[in-house]
């Protein structure tokens, strides 16, 4: 997993899973705490995430809300969009451009 960027926009790549969760959590929390306005997570380079990785995203979402910020997901890959729909988290998280996979099979 790699995360690059600043307190306004971060690009997350690789695998966001149980092995990378602690490092990702630290980076995301630091970004939330040090900025203002929307925090954009660009996920176009993200290969996969597991339940732990999704938990990190939700934790950053809650932390952003407490800091009067909004976590925005950009470029969510289709298979991860399906997971957000299945868990109904697409109703909670702000996804730039919305969910586009609909009933597509993949």
PDB file of N, CA and C in Angstrom:
ATOM      1  N   UNK A   1       0.842  -1.170   0.000  1.00  0.00           N
ATOM      2  CA  UNK A   1       0.000   0.000   0.000  1.00  0.00           C
ATOM      3  C   UNK A   1       0.885   1.229   0.000  1.00  0.00           C
ATOM      4  N   UNK A   2       0.444   2.243  -0.723  1.00  0.00           N
ATOM      5  CA  UNK A   2       1.127   3.529  -0.667  1.00  0.00           C
ATOM      6  C   UNK A   2       0.082   4.633  -0.648  1.00  0.00           C
ATOM      7  N   UNK A   3       0.412   5.685   0.078  1.00  0.00           N
ATOM      8  CA  UNK A   3      -0.452   6.865   0.137  1.00  0.00           C
ATOM      9  C   UNK A   3       0.449   8.063  -0.094  1.00  0.00           C
ATOM     10  N   UNK A   4       0.075   8.893  -1.061  1.00  0.00           N
ATOM     11  CA  UNK A   4       0.845  10.103  -1.311  1.00  0.00           C
ATOM     12  C   UNK A   4      -0.113  11.277  -1.427  1.00  0.00           C
ATOM     13  N   UNK A   5       0.347  12.441  -1.026  1.00  0.00           N
ATOM     14  CA  UNK A   5      -0.482  13.630  -1.099  1.00  0.00           C
ATOM     15  C   UNK A   5      -0.322  14.481   0.140  1.00  0.00           C
ATOM     16  N   UNK A   6      -1.354  15.268   0.427  1.00  0.00           N
ATOM     17  CA  UNK A   6      -1.292  16.200   1.548  1.00  0.00           C
ATOM     18  C   UNK A   6      -2.601  16.173   2.325  1.00  0.00           C
ATOM     19  N   UNK A   7      -2.856  17.215   3.081  1.00  0.00           N
ATOM     20  CA  UNK A   7      -4.054  17.270   3.923  1.00  0.00           C
ATOM     21  C   UNK A   7      -5.339  17.561   3.143  1.00  0.00           C
ATOM     22  N   UNK A   8      -5.226  17.791   1.819  1.00  0.00           N
ATOM     23  CA  UNK A   8      -6.411  18.077   1.016  1.00  0.00           C
ATOM     24  C   UNK A   8      -6.749  16.942   0.048  1.00  0.00           C
ATOM     25  N   UNK A   9      -5.721  16.247  -0.464  1.00  0.00           N
ATOM     26  CA  UNK A   9      -5.963  15.150  -1.391  1.00  0.00           C
ATOM     27  C   UNK A   9      -4.868  14.094  -1.222  1.00  0.00           C
ATOM     28  N   UNK A  10      -5.315  12.858  -1.106  1.00  0.00           N
ATOM     29  CA  UNK A  10      -4.407  11.723  -0.968  1.00  0.00           C
ATOM     30  C   UNK A  10      -4.727  10.697  -2.043  1.00  0.00           C
ATOM     31  N   UNK A  11      -3.688  10.138  -2.646  1.00  0.00           N
ATOM     32  CA  UNK A  11      -3.843   9.039  -3.594  1.00  0.00           C
ATOM     33  C   UNK A  11      -3.465   7.771  -2.851  1.00  0.00           C
ATOM     34  N   UNK A  12      -4.400   6.819  -2.814  1.00  0.00           N
ATOM     35  CA  UNK A  12      -4.190   5.557  -2.114  1.00  0.00           C
ATOM     36  C   UNK A  12      -4.034   4.471  -3.171  1.00  0.00           C
ATOM     37  N   UNK A  13      -2.941   3.716  -3.082  1.00  0.00           N
ATOM     38  CA  UNK A  13      -2.696   2.666  -4.061  1.00  0.00           C
ATOM     39  C   UNK A  13      -2.281   1.366  -3.409  1.00  0.00           C
ATOM     40  N   UNK A  14      -2.328   0.307  -4.203  1.00  0.00           N
ATOM     41  CA  UNK A  14      -1.949  -1.013  -3.699  1.00  0.00           C
ATOM     42  C   UNK A  14      -3.117  -1.687  -3.006  1.00  0.00           C
ATOM     43  N   UNK A  15      -2.814  -2.347  -1.884  1.00  0.00           N
ATOM     44  CA  UNK A  15      -3.842  -3.070  -1.127  1.00  0.00           C
ATOM     45  C   UNK A  15      -4.042  -2.405   0.224  1.00  0.00           C
ATOM     46  N   UNK A  16      -5.272  -2.083   0.527  1.00  0.00           N
ATOM     47  CA  UNK A  16      -5.623  -1.540   1.836  1.00  0.00           C
ATOM     48  C   UNK A  16      -6.252  -2.688   2.616  1.00  0.00           C
ATOM     49  N   UNK A  17      -5.424  -3.338   3.427  1.00  0.00           N
ATOM     50  CA  UNK A  17      -5.892  -4.541   4.109  1.00  0.00           C
ATOM     51  C   UNK A  17      -5.340  -4.592   5.527  1.00  0.00           C
ATOM     52  N   UNK A  18      -5.494  -5.726   6.154  1.00  0.00           N
ATOM     53  CA  UNK A  18      -5.103  -5.866   7.549  1.00  0.00           C
ATOM     54  C   UNK A  18      -3.618  -5.553   7.752  1.00  0.00           C
ATOM     55  N   UNK A  19      -2.776  -5.843   6.754  1.00  0.00           N
ATOM     56  CA  UNK A  19      -1.339  -5.585   6.878  1.00  0.00           C
ATOM     57  C   UNK A  19      -0.991  -4.111   6.803  1.00  0.00           C
ATOM     58  N   UNK A  20      -1.769  -3.336   6.074  1.00  0.00           N
ATOM     59  CA  UNK A  20      -1.451  -1.916   5.877  1.00  0.00           C
ATOM     60  C   UNK A  20      -2.362  -0.984   6.669  1.00  0.00           C
ATOM     61  N   UNK A  21      -3.329  -1.528   7.384  1.00  0.00           N
ATOM     62  CA  UNK A  21      -4.348  -0.708   8.043  1.00  0.00           C
ATOM     63  C   UNK A  21      -3.765   0.285   9.044  1.00  0.00           C
ATOM     64  N   UNK A  22      -2.840  -0.136   9.868  1.00  0.00           N
ATOM     65  CA  UNK A  22      -2.304   0.764  10.898  1.00  0.00           C
ATOM     66  C   UNK A  22      -1.590   1.957  10.271  1.00  0.00           C
ATOM     67  N   UNK A  23      -0.764   1.699   9.249  1.00  0.00           N
ATOM     68  CA  UNK A  23      -0.060   2.794   8.579  1.00  0.00           C
ATOM     69  C   UNK A  23      -1.050   3.727   7.877  1.00  0.00           C
ATOM     70  N   UNK A  24      -2.029   3.136   7.194  1.00  0.00           N
ATOM     71  CA  UNK A  24      -3.028   3.941   6.490  1.00  0.00           C
ATOM     72  C   UNK A  24      -3.819   4.795   7.471  1.00  0.00           C
ATOM     73  N   UNK A  25      -4.205   4.214   8.593  1.00  0.00           N
ATOM     74  CA  UNK A  25      -4.967   4.949   9.607  1.00  0.00           C
ATOM     75  C   UNK A  25      -4.176   6.170  10.090  1.00  0.00           C
ATOM     76  N   UNK A  26      -2.895   5.977  10.355  1.00  0.00           N
ATOM     77  CA  UNK A  26      -2.047   7.082  10.827  1.00  0.00           C
ATOM     78  C   UNK A  26      -1.987   8.205   9.801  1.00  0.00           C
ATOM     79  N   UNK A  27      -1.753   7.860   8.539  1.00  0.00           N
ATOM     80  CA  UNK A  27      -1.666   8.871   7.480  1.00  0.00           C
ATOM     81  C   UNK A  27      -2.989   9.605   7.312  1.00  0.00           C
ATOM     82  N   UNK A  28      -4.098   8.867   7.286  1.00  0.00           N
ATOM     83  CA  UNK A  28      -5.410   9.491   7.089  1.00  0.00           C
ATOM     84  C   UNK A  28      -5.778  10.392   8.264  1.00  0.00           C
ATOM     85  N   UNK A  29      -5.525   9.941   9.475  1.00  0.00           N
ATOM     86  CA  UNK A  29      -5.841  10.763  10.640  1.00  0.00           C
ATOM     87  C   UNK A  29      -4.999  12.033  10.660  1.00  0.00           C
ATOM     88  N   UNK A  30      -3.715  11.918  10.318  1.00  0.00           N
ATOM     89  CA  UNK A  30      -2.867  13.108  10.250  1.00  0.00           C
ATOM     90  C   UNK A  30      -3.389  14.095   9.205  1.00  0.00           C
ATOM     91  N   UNK A  31      -3.820  13.573   8.054  1.00  0.00           N
ATOM     92  CA  UNK A  31      -4.349  14.433   6.997  1.00  0.00           C
ATOM     93  C   UNK A  31      -5.634  15.129   7.442  1.00  0.00           C
ATOM     94  N   UNK A  32      -6.508  14.393   8.103  1.00  0.00           N
ATOM     95  CA  UNK A  32      -7.757  14.988   8.601  1.00  0.00           C
ATOM     96  C   UNK A  32      -7.447  16.081   9.617  1.00  0.00           C
ATOM     97  N   UNK A  33      -6.550  15.777  10.547  1.00  0.00           N
ATOM     98  CA  UNK A  33      -6.260  16.701  11.639  1.00  0.00           C
ATOM     99  C   UNK A  33      -5.525  17.960  11.198  1.00  0.00           C
ATOM    100  N   UNK A  34      -4.814  17.899  10.076  1.00  0.00           N
ATOM    101  CA  UNK A  34      -3.977  19.035   9.684  1.00  0.00           C
ATOM    102  C   UNK A  34      -4.590  19.912   8.598  1.00  0.00           C
ATOM    103  N   UNK A  35      -5.803  19.616   8.170  1.00  0.00           N
ATOM    104  CA  UNK A  35      -6.375  20.389   7.072  1.00  0.00           C
ATOM    105  C   UNK A  35      -7.748  20.948   7.367  1.00  0.00           C
ATOM    106  N   UNK A  36      -8.302  21.560   6.339  1.00  0.00           N
ATOM    107  CA  UNK A  36      -9.645  22.153   6.403  1.00  0.00           C
ATOM    108  C   UNK A  36     -10.368  21.830   5.110  1.00  0.00           C
ATOM    109  N   UNK A  37     -11.691  21.803   5.166  1.00  0.00           N
ATOM    110  CA  UNK A  37     -12.480  21.526   3.971  1.00  0.00           C
ATOM    111  C   UNK A  37     -12.461  20.051   3.628  1.00  0.00           C
ATOM    112  N   UNK A  38     -12.843  19.757   2.391  1.00  0.00           N
ATOM    113  CA  UNK A  38     -12.910  18.365   1.950  1.00  0.00           C
ATOM    114  C   UNK A  38     -11.530  17.713   1.960  1.00  0.00           C
ATOM    115  N   UNK A  39     -11.500  16.440   2.327  1.00  0.00           N
ATOM    116  CA  UNK A  39     -10.307  15.602   2.170  1.00  0.00           C
ATOM    117  C   UNK A  39     -10.671  14.568   1.111  1.00  0.00           C
ATOM    118  N   UNK A  40     -10.010  14.650  -0.034  1.00  0.00           N
ATOM    119  CA  UNK A  40     -10.284  13.759  -1.154  1.00  0.00           C
ATOM    120  C   UNK A  40      -9.347  12.563  -1.093  1.00  0.00           C
ATOM    121  N   UNK A  41      -9.929  11.362  -1.141  1.00  0.00           N
ATOM    122  CA  UNK A  41      -9.145  10.134  -1.261  1.00  0.00           C
ATOM    123  C   UNK A  41      -9.324   9.628  -2.684  1.00  0.00           C
ATOM    124  N   UNK A  42      -8.263   9.714  -3.469  1.00  0.00           N
ATOM    125  CA  UNK A  42      -8.286   9.218  -4.839  1.00  0.00           C
ATOM    126  C   UNK A  42      -7.917   7.743  -4.793  1.00  0.00           C
ATOM    127  N   UNK A  43      -8.853   6.880  -5.160  1.00  0.00           N
ATOM    128  CA  UNK A  43      -8.675   5.436  -5.052  1.00  0.00           C
ATOM    129  C   UNK A  43      -8.410   4.775  -6.400  1.00  0.00           C
ATOM    130  N   UNK A  44      -8.098   5.552  -7.427  1.00  0.00           N
ATOM    131  CA  UNK A  44      -7.909   4.974  -8.757  1.00  0.00           C
ATOM    132  C   UNK A  44      -6.755   3.979  -8.801  1.00  0.00           C
ATOM    133  N   UNK A  45      -5.770   4.111  -7.915  1.00  0.00           N
ATOM    134  CA  UNK A  45      -4.625   3.195  -7.891  1.00  0.00           C
ATOM    135  C   UNK A  45      -4.797   2.060  -6.884  1.00  0.00           C
ATOM    136  N   UNK A  46      -5.952   2.013  -6.220  1.00  0.00           N
ATOM    137  CA  UNK A  46      -6.192   0.978  -5.208  1.00  0.00           C
ATOM    138  C   UNK A  46      -6.552  -0.335  -5.881  1.00  0.00           C
ATOM    139  N   UNK A  47      -5.791  -1.386  -5.553  1.00  0.00           N
ATOM    140  CA  UNK A  47      -6.032  -2.703  -6.142  1.00  0.00           C
ATOM    141  C   UNK A  47      -7.139  -3.451  -5.417  1.00  0.00           C
ATOM    142  N   UNK A  48      -7.144  -3.357  -4.079  1.00  0.00           N
ATOM    143  CA  UNK A  48      -8.157  -4.072  -3.308  1.00  0.00           C
ATOM    144  C   UNK A  48      -8.195  -3.533  -1.888  1.00  0.00           C
ATOM    145  N   UNK A  49      -9.297  -3.862  -1.207  1.00  0.00           N
ATOM    146  CA  UNK A  49      -9.396  -3.584   0.214  1.00  0.00           C
ATOM    147  C   UNK A  49     -10.167  -4.717   0.854  1.00  0.00           C
ATOM    148  N   UNK A  50      -9.897  -4.957   2.125  1.00  0.00           N
ATOM    149  CA  UNK A  50     -10.653  -5.955   2.857  1.00  0.00           C
ATOM    150  C   UNK A  50     -11.490  -5.236   3.908  1.00  0.00           C
ATOM    151  N   UNK A  51     -12.131  -5.992   4.771  1.00  0.00           N
ATOM    152  CA  UNK A  51     -12.999  -5.392   5.790  1.00  0.00           C
ATOM    153  C   UNK A  51     -12.218  -4.443   6.694  1.00  0.00           C
ATOM    154  N   UNK A  52     -10.968  -4.774   6.991  1.00  0.00           N
ATOM    155  CA  UNK A  52     -10.150  -3.898   7.831  1.00  0.00           C
ATOM    156  C   UNK A  52      -9.877  -2.583   7.111  1.00  0.00           C
ATOM    157  N   UNK A  53      -9.542  -2.666   5.830  1.00  0.00           N
ATOM    158  CA  UNK A  53      -9.298  -1.455   5.037  1.00  0.00           C
ATOM    159  C   UNK A  53     -10.542  -0.585   4.936  1.00  0.00           C
ATOM    160  N   UNK A  54     -11.679  -1.225   4.756  1.00  0.00           N
ATOM    161  CA  UNK A  54     -12.938  -0.479   4.711  1.00  0.00           C
ATOM    162  C   UNK A  54     -13.202   0.182   6.056  1.00  0.00           C
ATOM    163  N   UNK A  55     -12.842  -0.498   7.133  1.00  0.00           N
ATOM    164  CA  UNK A  55     -12.971   0.088   8.465  1.00  0.00           C
ATOM    165  C   UNK A  55     -12.097   1.316   8.641  1.00  0.00           C
ATOM    166  N   UNK A  56     -10.911   1.298   8.043  1.00  0.00           N
ATOM    167  CA  UNK A  56     -10.017   2.466   8.094  1.00  0.00           C
ATOM    168  C   UNK A  56     -10.676   3.655   7.385  1.00  0.00           C
ATOM    169  N   UNK A  57     -11.272   3.386   6.231  1.00  0.00           N
ATOM    170  CA  UNK A  57     -11.974   4.449   5.485  1.00  0.00           C
ATOM    171  C   UNK A  57     -13.127   5.005   6.325  1.00  0.00           C
ATOM    172  N   UNK A  58     -13.904   4.119   6.944  1.00  0.00           N
ATOM    173  CA  UNK A  58     -15.025   4.580   7.765  1.00  0.00           C
ATOM    174  C   UNK A  58     -14.535   5.367   8.980  1.00  0.00           C
ATOM    175  N   UNK A  59     -13.435   4.941   9.576  1.00  0.00           N
ATOM    176  CA  UNK A  59     -12.868   5.678  10.703  1.00  0.00           C
ATOM    177  C   UNK A  59     -12.427   7.076  10.288  1.00  0.00           C
ATOM    178  N   UNK A  60     -11.819   7.182   9.119  1.00  0.00           N
ATOM    179  CA  UNK A  60     -11.410   8.494   8.609  1.00  0.00           C
ATOM    180  C   UNK A  60     -12.640   9.360   8.313  1.00  0.00           C
ATOM    181  N   UNK A  61     -13.695   8.725   7.808  1.00  0.00           N
ATOM    182  CA  UNK A  61     -14.956   9.443   7.546  1.00  0.00           C
ATOM    183  C   UNK A  61     -15.514  10.031   8.854  1.00  0.00           C
ATOM    184  N   UNK A  62     -15.557   9.221   9.898  1.00  0.00           N
ATOM    185  CA  UNK A  62     -16.074   9.703  11.193  1.00  0.00           C
ATOM    186  C   UNK A  62     -15.182  10.801  11.770  1.00  0.00           C
ATOM    187  N   UNK A  63     -13.877  10.612  11.687  1.00  0.00           N
ATOM    188  CA  UNK A  63     -12.942  11.614  12.205  1.00  0.00           C
ATOM    189  C   UNK A  63     -13.092  12.934  11.437  1.00  0.00           C
ATOM    190  N   UNK A  64     -13.240  12.841  10.119  1.00  0.00           N
ATOM    191  CA  UNK A  64     -13.436  14.042   9.305  1.00  0.00           C
ATOM    192  C   UNK A  64     -14.710  14.776   9.730  1.00  0.00           C
ATOM    193  N   UNK A  65     -15.777  14.027   9.962  1.00  0.00           N
ATOM    194  CA  UNK A  65     -17.026  14.643  10.402  1.00  0.00           C
ATOM    195  C   UNK A  65     -16.873  15.381  11.721  1.00  0.00           C
ATOM    196  N   UNK A  66     -16.143  14.782  12.652  1.00  0.00           N
ATOM    197  CA  UNK A  66     -15.913  15.444  13.948  1.00  0.00           C
ATOM    198  C   UNK A  66     -15.067  16.700  13.796  1.00  0.00           C
ATOM    199  N   UNK A  67     -14.263  16.771  12.728  1.00  0.00           N
ATOM    200  CA  UNK A  67     -13.410  17.936  12.475  1.00  0.00           C
ATOM    201  C   UNK A  67     -14.089  18.925  11.516  1.00  0.00           C
ATOM    202  N   UNK A  68     -15.393  18.762  11.302  1.00  0.00           N
ATOM    203  CA  UNK A  68     -16.145  19.597  10.358  1.00  0.00           C
ATOM    204  C   UNK A  68     -15.555  19.554   8.957  1.00  0.00           C
ATOM    205  N   UNK A  69     -15.120  18.372   8.571  1.00  0.00           N
ATOM    206  CA  UNK A  69     -14.609  18.142   7.225  1.00  0.00           C
ATOM    207  C   UNK A  69     -15.456  17.050   6.580  1.00  0.00           C
ATOM    208  N   UNK A  70     -15.270  16.878   5.292  1.00  0.00           N
ATOM    209  CA  UNK A  70     -15.973  15.825   4.573  1.00  0.00           C
ATOM    210  C   UNK A  70     -14.941  14.969   3.851  1.00  0.00           C
ATOM    211  N   UNK A  71     -15.049  13.662   4.021  1.00  0.00           N
ATOM    212  CA  UNK A  71     -14.205  12.722   3.298  1.00  0.00           C
ATOM    213  C   UNK A  71     -14.882  12.433   1.970  1.00  0.00           C
ATOM    214  N   UNK A  72     -14.165  12.637   0.875  1.00  0.00           N
ATOM    215  CA  UNK A  72     -14.694  12.426  -0.476  1.00  0.00           C
ATOM    216  C   UNK A  72     -13.886  11.321  -1.137  1.00  0.00           C
ATOM    217  N   UNK A  73     -14.570  10.285  -1.613  1.00  0.00           N
ATOM    218  CA  UNK A  73     -13.899   9.211  -2.342  1.00  0.00           C
ATOM    219  C   UNK A  73     -13.976   9.497  -3.833  1.00  0.00           C
ATOM    220  N   UNK A  74     -12.833   9.460  -4.492  1.00  0.00           N
ATOM    221  CA  UNK A  74     -12.754   9.723  -5.937  1.00  0.00           C
ATOM    222  C   UNK A  74     -12.180   8.486  -6.623  1.00  0.00           C
ATOM    223  N   UNK A  75     -12.705   8.167  -7.774  1.00  0.00           N
ATOM    224  CA  UNK A  75     -12.143   7.078  -8.565  1.00  0.00           C
ATOM    225  C   UNK A  75     -12.252   5.721  -7.910  1.00  0.00           C
ATOM    226  N   UNK A  76     -13.394   5.442  -7.294  1.00  0.00           N
ATOM    227  CA  UNK A  76     -13.584   4.151  -6.627  1.00  0.00           C
ATOM    228  C   UNK A  76     -13.727   3.071  -7.708  1.00  0.00           C
ATOM    229  N   UNK A  77     -12.813   2.075  -7.717  1.00  0.00           N
ATOM    230  CA  UNK A  77     -12.907   1.009  -8.721  1.00  0.00           C
ATOM    231  C   UNK A  77     -14.236   0.254  -8.633  1.00  0.00           C
ATOM    232  N   UNK A  78     -14.723  -0.255  -9.777  1.00  0.00           N
ATOM    233  CA  UNK A  78     -16.046  -0.897  -9.822  1.00  0.00           C
ATOM    234  C   UNK A  78     -16.264  -1.997  -8.785  1.00  0.00           C
ATOM    235  N   UNK A  79     -15.277  -2.882  -8.579  1.00  0.00           N
ATOM    236  CA  UNK A  79     -15.487  -3.966  -7.618  1.00  0.00           C
ATOM    237  C   UNK A  79     -15.642  -3.411  -6.205  1.00  0.00           C
ATOM    238  N   UNK A  80     -14.995  -2.294  -5.908  1.00  0.00           N
ATOM    239  CA  UNK A  80     -15.142  -1.687  -4.589  1.00  0.00           C
ATOM    240  C   UNK A  80     -16.455  -0.917  -4.492  1.00  0.00           C
ATOM    241  N   UNK A  81     -16.923  -0.379  -5.616  1.00  0.00           N
ATOM    242  CA  UNK A  81     -18.244   0.247  -5.621  1.00  0.00           C
ATOM    243  C   UNK A  81     -19.303  -0.789  -5.276  1.00  0.00           C
ATOM    244  N   UNK A  82     -19.173  -1.987  -5.839  1.00  0.00           N
ATOM    245  CA  UNK A  82     -20.152  -3.049  -5.550  1.00  0.00           C
ATOM    246  C   UNK A  82     -20.161  -3.388  -4.059  1.00  0.00           C
ATOM    247  N   UNK A  83     -18.982  -3.417  -3.445  1.00  0.00           N
ATOM    248  CA  UNK A  83     -18.910  -3.692  -2.008  1.00  0.00           C
ATOM    249  C   UNK A  83     -19.585  -2.575  -1.210  1.00  0.00           C
ATOM    250  N   UNK A  84     -19.371  -1.330  -1.618  1.00  0.00           N
ATOM    251  CA  UNK A  84     -20.017  -0.215  -0.916  1.00  0.00           C
ATOM    252  C   UNK A  84     -21.532  -0.300  -1.034  1.00  0.00           C
ATOM    253  N   UNK A  85     -22.029  -0.721  -2.190  1.00  0.00           N
ATOM    254  CA  UNK A  85     -23.470  -0.885  -2.368  1.00  0.00           C
ATOM    255  C   UNK A  85     -23.974  -2.047  -1.516  1.00  0.00           C
ATOM    256  N   UNK A  86     -23.263  -3.172  -1.546  1.00  0.00           N
ATOM    257  CA  UNK A  86     -23.685  -4.355  -0.788  1.00  0.00           C
ATOM    258  C   UNK A  86     -23.756  -4.073   0.714  1.00  0.00           C
ATOM    259  N   UNK A  87     -22.842  -3.247   1.201  1.00  0.00           N
ATOM    260  CA  UNK A  87     -22.816  -2.913   2.630  1.00  0.00           C
ATOM    261  C   UNK A  87     -23.636  -1.660   2.939  1.00  0.00           C
ATOM    262  N   UNK A  88     -24.187  -1.059   1.901  1.00  0.00           N
ATOM    263  CA  UNK A  88     -24.969   0.181   1.993  1.00  0.00           C
ATOM    264  C   UNK A  88     -24.157   1.376   2.475  1.00  0.00           C
ATOM    265  N   UNK A  89     -22.855   1.261   2.438  1.00  0.00           N
ATOM    266  CA  UNK A  89     -22.005   2.380   2.851  1.00  0.00           C
ATOM    267  C   UNK A  89     -21.998   3.497   1.814  1.00  0.00           C
ATOM    268  N   UNK A  90     -22.449   3.192   0.585  1.00  0.00           N
ATOM    269  CA  UNK A  90     -22.553   4.241  -0.425  1.00  0.00           C
ATOM    270  C   UNK A  90     -23.579   5.302  -0.021  1.00  0.00           C
ATOM    271  N   UNK A  91     -24.432   4.968   0.940  1.00  0.00           N
ATOM    272  CA  UNK A  91     -25.421   5.936   1.441  1.00  0.00           C
ATOM    273  C   UNK A  91     -24.819   6.856   2.496  1.00  0.00           C
ATOM    274  N   UNK A  92     -23.690   6.468   3.059  1.00  0.00           N
ATOM    275  CA  UNK A  92     -23.051   7.219   4.137  1.00  0.00           C
ATOM    276  C   UNK A  92     -21.856   8.020   3.618  1.00  0.00           C
ATOM    277  N   UNK A  93     -21.043   7.372   2.795  1.00  0.00           N
ATOM    278  CA  UNK A  93     -19.837   8.004   2.273  1.00  0.00           C
ATOM    279  C   UNK A  93     -20.173   8.893   1.081  1.00  0.00           C
ATOM    280  N   UNK A  94     -19.397   9.970   0.912  1.00  0.00           N
ATOM    281  CA  UNK A  94     -19.582  10.819  -0.265  1.00  0.00           C
ATOM    282  C   UNK A  94     -18.664  10.295  -1.358  1.00  0.00           C
ATOM    283  N   UNK A  95     -19.256   9.869  -2.466  1.00  0.00           N
ATOM    284  CA  UNK A  95     -18.509   9.306  -3.582  1.00  0.00           C
ATOM    285  C   UNK A  95     -18.652  10.253  -4.759  1.00  0.00           C
ATOM    286  N   UNK A  96     -17.533  10.858  -5.135  1.00  0.00           N
ATOM    287  CA  UNK A  96     -17.542  11.818  -6.235  1.00  0.00           C
ATOM    288  C   UNK A  96     -18.061  11.144  -7.502  1.00  0.00           C
ATOM    289  N   UNK A  97     -19.068  11.730  -8.116  1.00  0.00           N
ATOM    290  CA  UNK A  97     -19.670  11.152  -9.312  1.00  0.00           C
ATOM    291  C   UNK A  97     -20.684  10.059  -9.032  1.00  0.00           C
ATOM    292  N   UNK A  98     -20.839   9.689  -7.775  1.00  0.00           N
ATOM    293  CA  UNK A  98     -21.814   8.662  -7.404  1.00  0.00           C
ATOM    294  C   UNK A  98     -21.351   7.267  -7.773  1.00  0.00           C
ATOM    295  N   UNK A  99     -22.227   6.317  -7.558  1.00  0.00           N
ATOM    296  CA  UNK A  99     -21.972   4.920  -7.885  1.00  0.00           C
ATOM    297  C   UNK A  99     -22.402   4.698  -9.334  1.00  0.00           C
ATOM    298  N   UNK A 100     -21.518   4.107 -10.126  1.00  0.00           N
ATOM    299  CA  UNK A 100     -21.830   3.920 -11.536  1.00  0.00           C
ATOM    300  C   UNK A 100     -21.938   2.466 -11.953  1.00  0.00           C
ATOM    301  N   UNK A 101     -21.691   1.527 -11.052  1.00  0.00           N
ATOM    302  CA  UNK A 101     -21.716   0.114 -11.454  1.00  0.00           C
ATOM    303  C   UNK A 101     -23.123  -0.425 -11.592  1.00  0.00           C
ATOM    304  N   UNK A 102     -24.082   0.137 -10.872  1.00  0.00           N
ATOM    305  CA  UNK A 102     -25.466  -0.318 -10.968  1.00  0.00           C
ATOM    306  C   UNK A 102     -25.568  -1.815 -10.822  1.00  0.00           C
ATOM    307  N   UNK A 103     -26.201  -2.467 -11.778  1.00  0.00           N
ATOM    308  CA  UNK A 103     -26.359  -3.913 -11.703  1.00  0.00           C
ATOM    309  C   UNK A 103     -25.342  -4.628 -12.590  1.00  0.00           C
ATOM    310  N   UNK A 104     -24.293  -3.924 -12.987  1.00  0.00           N
ATOM    311  CA  UNK A 104     -23.277  -4.519 -13.858  1.00  0.00           C
ATOM    312  C   UNK A 104     -22.609  -5.710 -13.189  1.00  0.00           C
ATOM    313  N   UNK A 105     -22.366  -6.716 -13.951  1.00  0.00           N
ATOM    314  CA  UNK A 105     -21.659  -7.896 -13.444  1.00  0.00           C
ATOM    315  C   UNK A 105     -20.195  -7.750 -13.831  1.00  0.00           C
ATOM    316  N   UNK A 106     -19.293  -8.262 -13.007  1.00  0.00           N
ATOM    317  CA  UNK A 106     -17.901  -8.123 -13.365  1.00  0.00           C
ATOM    318  C   UNK A 106     -17.137  -9.162 -12.780  1.00  0.00           C
TER     319      UNK A 106
END
